[in-house]
């Protein structure tokens, strides 16, 4: 079966990153939040959109 080399590399990097935190999702999330707060890059923040229709009350 053919494997996409980009997907393979991405999965390997994800596994390597998860191993740093013993695959603990809480620790990974904390690291992401920490790294996000330390960046000087502008993060995308979109304004809320108005719904296209109002759902009918039950």
C-alpha atoms as a PDB file:
ATOM      1  CA  UNK A   1       0.000   0.000   0.000  1.00  0.00           C
ATOM      2  CA  UNK A   2       1.312   3.446  -0.924  1.00  0.00           C
ATOM      3  CA  UNK A   3       2.064   5.845   1.927  1.00  0.00           C
ATOM      4  CA  UNK A   4       2.212   9.590   1.608  1.00  0.00           C
ATOM      5  CA  UNK A   5       5.661  10.718   2.830  1.00  0.00           C
ATOM      6  CA  UNK A   6       4.259  13.975   4.249  1.00  0.00           C
ATOM      7  CA  UNK A   7       1.624  12.130   6.267  1.00  0.00           C
ATOM      8  CA  UNK A   8       4.249   9.655   7.453  1.00  0.00           C
ATOM      9  CA  UNK A   9       6.581  12.446   8.578  1.00  0.00           C
ATOM     10  CA  UNK A  10       3.730  14.293  10.314  1.00  0.00           C
ATOM     11  CA  UNK A  11       2.724  11.171  12.235  1.00  0.00           C
ATOM     12  CA  UNK A  12       6.322  10.519  13.256  1.00  0.00           C
ATOM     13  CA  UNK A  13       6.693  14.080  14.532  1.00  0.00           C
ATOM     14  CA  UNK A  14       3.389  13.817  16.413  1.00  0.00           C
ATOM     15  CA  UNK A  15       4.539  10.583  18.060  1.00  0.00           C
ATOM     16  CA  UNK A  16       7.893  12.124  18.970  1.00  0.00           C
ATOM     17  CA  UNK A  17       6.137  15.140  20.516  1.00  0.00           C
ATOM     18  CA  UNK A  18       3.713  12.931  22.479  1.00  0.00           C
ATOM     19  CA  UNK A  19       6.588  10.814  23.825  1.00  0.00           C
ATOM     20  CA  UNK A  20       8.082  13.926  25.449  1.00  0.00           C
ATOM     21  CA  UNK A  21       5.009  14.028  27.688  1.00  0.00           C
ATOM     22  CA  UNK A  22       4.474  10.266  28.135  1.00  0.00           C
ATOM     23  CA  UNK A  23       1.404  10.572  25.903  1.00  0.00           C
ATOM     24  CA  UNK A  24      -0.362  12.575  28.645  1.00  0.00           C
ATOM     25  CA  UNK A  25      -2.954  14.748  26.873  1.00  0.00           C
ATOM     26  CA  UNK A  26      -3.171  17.190  29.793  1.00  0.00           C
ATOM     27  CA  UNK A  27       0.588  17.777  29.736  1.00  0.00           C
ATOM     28  CA  UNK A  28       0.551  18.184  25.959  1.00  0.00           C
ATOM     29  CA  UNK A  29      -2.292  20.713  26.204  1.00  0.00           C
ATOM     30  CA  UNK A  30      -0.453  22.673  28.914  1.00  0.00           C
ATOM     31  CA  UNK A  31       2.641  22.808  26.705  1.00  0.00           C
ATOM     32  CA  UNK A  32       0.611  24.042  23.755  1.00  0.00           C
ATOM     33  CA  UNK A  33      -0.967  26.782  25.874  1.00  0.00           C
ATOM     34  CA  UNK A  34       2.440  27.795  27.227  1.00  0.00           C
ATOM     35  CA  UNK A  35       3.987  27.947  23.764  1.00  0.00           C
ATOM     36  CA  UNK A  36       1.001  29.850  22.415  1.00  0.00           C
ATOM     37  CA  UNK A  37       1.241  32.500  25.143  1.00  0.00           C
ATOM     38  CA  UNK A  38       4.966  32.977  24.497  1.00  0.00           C
ATOM     39  CA  UNK A  39       4.683  33.636  20.777  1.00  0.00           C
ATOM     40  CA  UNK A  40       4.798  37.136  19.373  1.00  0.00           C
ATOM     41  CA  UNK A  41       3.037  36.075  16.196  1.00  0.00           C
ATOM     42  CA  UNK A  42      -0.467  37.313  15.639  1.00  0.00           C
ATOM     43  CA  UNK A  43      -2.942  34.503  16.137  1.00  0.00           C
ATOM     44  CA  UNK A  44      -6.116  34.288  14.123  1.00  0.00           C
ATOM     45  CA  UNK A  45      -9.166  35.573  15.943  1.00  0.00           C
ATOM     46  CA  UNK A  46     -12.321  35.794  13.915  1.00  0.00           C
ATOM     47  CA  UNK A  47     -15.384  37.745  15.029  1.00  0.00           C
ATOM     48  CA  UNK A  48     -18.486  35.684  15.821  1.00  0.00           C
ATOM     49  CA  UNK A  49     -20.801  35.088  12.884  1.00  0.00           C
ATOM     50  CA  UNK A  50     -24.544  35.557  12.952  1.00  0.00           C
ATOM     51  CA  UNK A  51     -26.492  32.341  12.428  1.00  0.00           C
ATOM     52  CA  UNK A  52     -28.062  31.880   9.015  1.00  0.00           C
ATOM     53  CA  UNK A  53     -31.384  30.881  10.546  1.00  0.00           C
ATOM     54  CA  UNK A  54     -33.008  30.739  13.958  1.00  0.00           C
ATOM     55  CA  UNK A  55     -33.770  27.224  15.229  1.00  0.00           C
ATOM     56  CA  UNK A  56     -37.406  26.656  16.128  1.00  0.00           C
ATOM     57  CA  UNK A  57     -38.082  26.257  19.844  1.00  0.00           C
ATOM     58  CA  UNK A  58     -39.336  22.820  20.789  1.00  0.00           C
END
